[in-house]
Every structure is written in structure tokens, then in C-alpha cells.
């Protein structure tokens, strides 16, 4: 409990909690986690690669990617008509850092 009190006094902690909550909600879905894992294994992938390799509907894939984008877990880069997805490592590190506070005793 002592650690929690010190978090509440830190500048920006409430904002960090909002970010963490959004990211955790995005990561909580098994399909989104599977998509993230695929992106991680391939560094940068387009939507077609994601839905064809993972055997998903294009509309479902796009829907899940939108949620991941909104949570700040992936970012996009347009190359011509294609959009490529990559992990937003800084956001994933931030969530890991926030969660690590809770393991301190």
C-alpha cells in the first residue's frame, strides 16, 4: 500500500493509469493479442498479410486493428495504397513499467 500512495502523488500518474487501462483493454482480447504477436514476429505487415495468414475476415481484422491503433499499441505507415502496421514499442514498455510498480512490496 505504501507504493500506491507514492504513485498517487506522482505527476502524471492519473494519465498513465488511463493509458494503461486503454492498452490493457486492447490486449485483453485473444484475437487482438494474436494479431499483435503476428505483427511482432514480422516487424511491419499490411492488412492483407494479417488476415490471410491468420485466416481472418478482412472486416474483423480491420476492426481489431482500429482498436489497437486507438489504444496506441500499433502505428501505421502508408506505402502507396497499402497500410503497414508496426508495434508501438514505447507504449508497450510504458504499460510494462506501470505494471511493474505493483510487483514491488
Protein backbone atom coordinates (compact mmCIF):
# COMPACT_ATOMS: atom_id res chain seq x y z
CA UNK A 1 0.00 0.00 0.00
CA UNK A 2 2.88 2.38 0.64
CA UNK A 3 3.84 2.19 -3.02
CA UNK A 4 0.32 3.03 -4.15
CA UNK A 5 0.29 6.18 -2.08
CA UNK A 6 3.55 7.33 -3.65
CA UNK A 7 2.09 6.72 -7.13
CA UNK A 8 -0.90 8.95 -6.43
CA UNK A 9 1.47 11.78 -5.59
CA UNK A 10 3.48 11.45 -8.79
CA UNK A 11 2.84 13.91 -11.56
CA UNK A 12 1.01 12.35 -14.47
CA UNK A 13 0.15 9.10 -12.72
CA UNK A 14 -3.58 9.52 -13.35
CA UNK A 15 -2.88 9.99 -17.05
CA UNK A 16 -0.59 6.96 -17.03
CA UNK A 17 -3.40 4.92 -15.47
CA UNK A 18 -5.80 6.00 -18.22
CA UNK A 19 -3.27 4.98 -20.86
CA UNK A 20 -2.59 1.69 -19.10
CA UNK A 21 -6.30 0.95 -18.83
CA UNK A 22 -6.83 1.59 -22.55
CA UNK A 23 -3.88 -0.60 -23.51
CA UNK A 24 -4.92 -3.42 -21.18
CA UNK A 25 -8.45 -3.39 -22.62
CA UNK A 26 -6.97 -3.67 -26.12
CA UNK A 27 -4.66 -6.50 -25.09
CA UNK A 28 -7.38 -8.40 -23.25
CA UNK A 29 -8.93 -9.83 -26.41
CA UNK A 30 -7.30 -13.09 -27.63
CA UNK A 31 -7.67 -12.17 -31.31
CA UNK A 32 -6.02 -8.79 -30.84
CA UNK A 33 -3.22 -10.44 -28.90
CA UNK A 34 -2.78 -12.92 -31.76
CA UNK A 35 -2.61 -10.03 -34.25
CA UNK A 36 -0.04 -8.23 -32.10
CA UNK A 37 2.05 -11.37 -31.91
CA UNK A 38 1.96 -11.71 -35.71
CA UNK A 39 3.00 -8.07 -36.17
CA UNK A 40 5.79 -8.54 -33.65
CA UNK A 41 7.12 -11.59 -35.48
CA UNK A 42 7.14 -9.72 -38.80
CA UNK A 43 8.12 -6.16 -37.73
CA UNK A 44 5.83 -4.43 -40.25
CA UNK A 45 2.89 -6.03 -42.06
CA UNK A 46 -0.03 -4.95 -44.21
CA UNK A 47 -3.65 -5.79 -43.52
CA UNK A 48 -3.77 -8.41 -46.27
CA UNK A 49 -0.89 -10.34 -44.71
CA UNK A 50 -2.54 -10.27 -41.32
CA UNK A 51 -5.94 -11.54 -42.38
CA UNK A 52 -4.69 -14.02 -44.95
CA UNK A 53 -2.04 -15.67 -42.75
CA UNK A 54 -4.21 -15.68 -39.63
CA UNK A 55 -7.22 -16.85 -41.66
CA UNK A 56 -9.50 -13.98 -40.58
CA UNK A 57 -12.16 -11.94 -42.30
CA UNK A 58 -10.85 -8.63 -43.62
CA UNK A 59 -13.57 -6.65 -41.82
CA UNK A 60 -12.84 -8.31 -38.47
CA UNK A 61 -9.11 -7.72 -38.92
CA UNK A 62 -9.67 -4.04 -39.71
CA UNK A 63 -11.96 -3.68 -36.70
CA UNK A 64 -9.39 -5.21 -34.34
CA UNK A 65 -6.57 -3.11 -35.82
CA UNK A 66 -8.63 0.05 -35.26
CA UNK A 67 -8.94 -0.81 -31.56
CA UNK A 68 -5.18 -1.44 -31.35
CA UNK A 69 -4.47 1.87 -33.12
CA UNK A 70 -6.79 3.79 -30.82
CA UNK A 71 -5.05 2.26 -27.80
CA UNK A 72 -1.71 3.39 -29.24
CA UNK A 73 -0.33 -0.14 -29.39
CA UNK A 74 0.31 -0.14 -33.15
CA UNK A 75 1.10 2.59 -35.62
CA UNK A 76 0.61 2.78 -39.34
CA UNK A 77 2.74 3.77 -42.28
CA UNK A 78 1.28 4.20 -45.74
CA UNK A 79 3.23 2.94 -48.75
CA UNK A 80 1.22 3.71 -51.87
CA UNK A 81 -2.20 2.13 -51.43
CA UNK A 82 -1.07 -0.21 -48.65
CA UNK A 83 -1.03 0.50 -44.94
CA UNK A 84 1.60 -1.28 -42.87
CA UNK A 85 1.26 -1.93 -39.15
CA UNK A 86 4.09 -1.99 -36.61
CA UNK A 87 4.18 -2.23 -32.84
CA UNK A 88 4.37 0.96 -30.87
CA UNK A 89 7.09 -0.34 -28.55
CA UNK A 90 7.16 2.77 -26.35
CA UNK A 91 3.51 2.23 -25.37
CA UNK A 92 4.10 -1.43 -24.60
CA UNK A 93 7.12 -0.52 -22.48
CA UNK A 94 5.03 2.09 -20.66
CA UNK A 95 2.42 -0.49 -19.70
CA UNK A 96 5.13 -2.88 -18.55
CA UNK A 97 6.65 -0.10 -16.44
CA UNK A 98 3.31 0.79 -14.86
CA UNK A 99 2.54 -2.85 -14.09
CA UNK A 100 5.99 -3.34 -12.58
CA UNK A 101 5.07 -0.86 -9.82
CA UNK A 102 2.56 -3.36 -8.50
CA UNK A 103 5.11 -6.13 -8.04
CA UNK A 104 7.12 -4.05 -5.54
CA UNK A 105 6.48 -4.92 -1.94
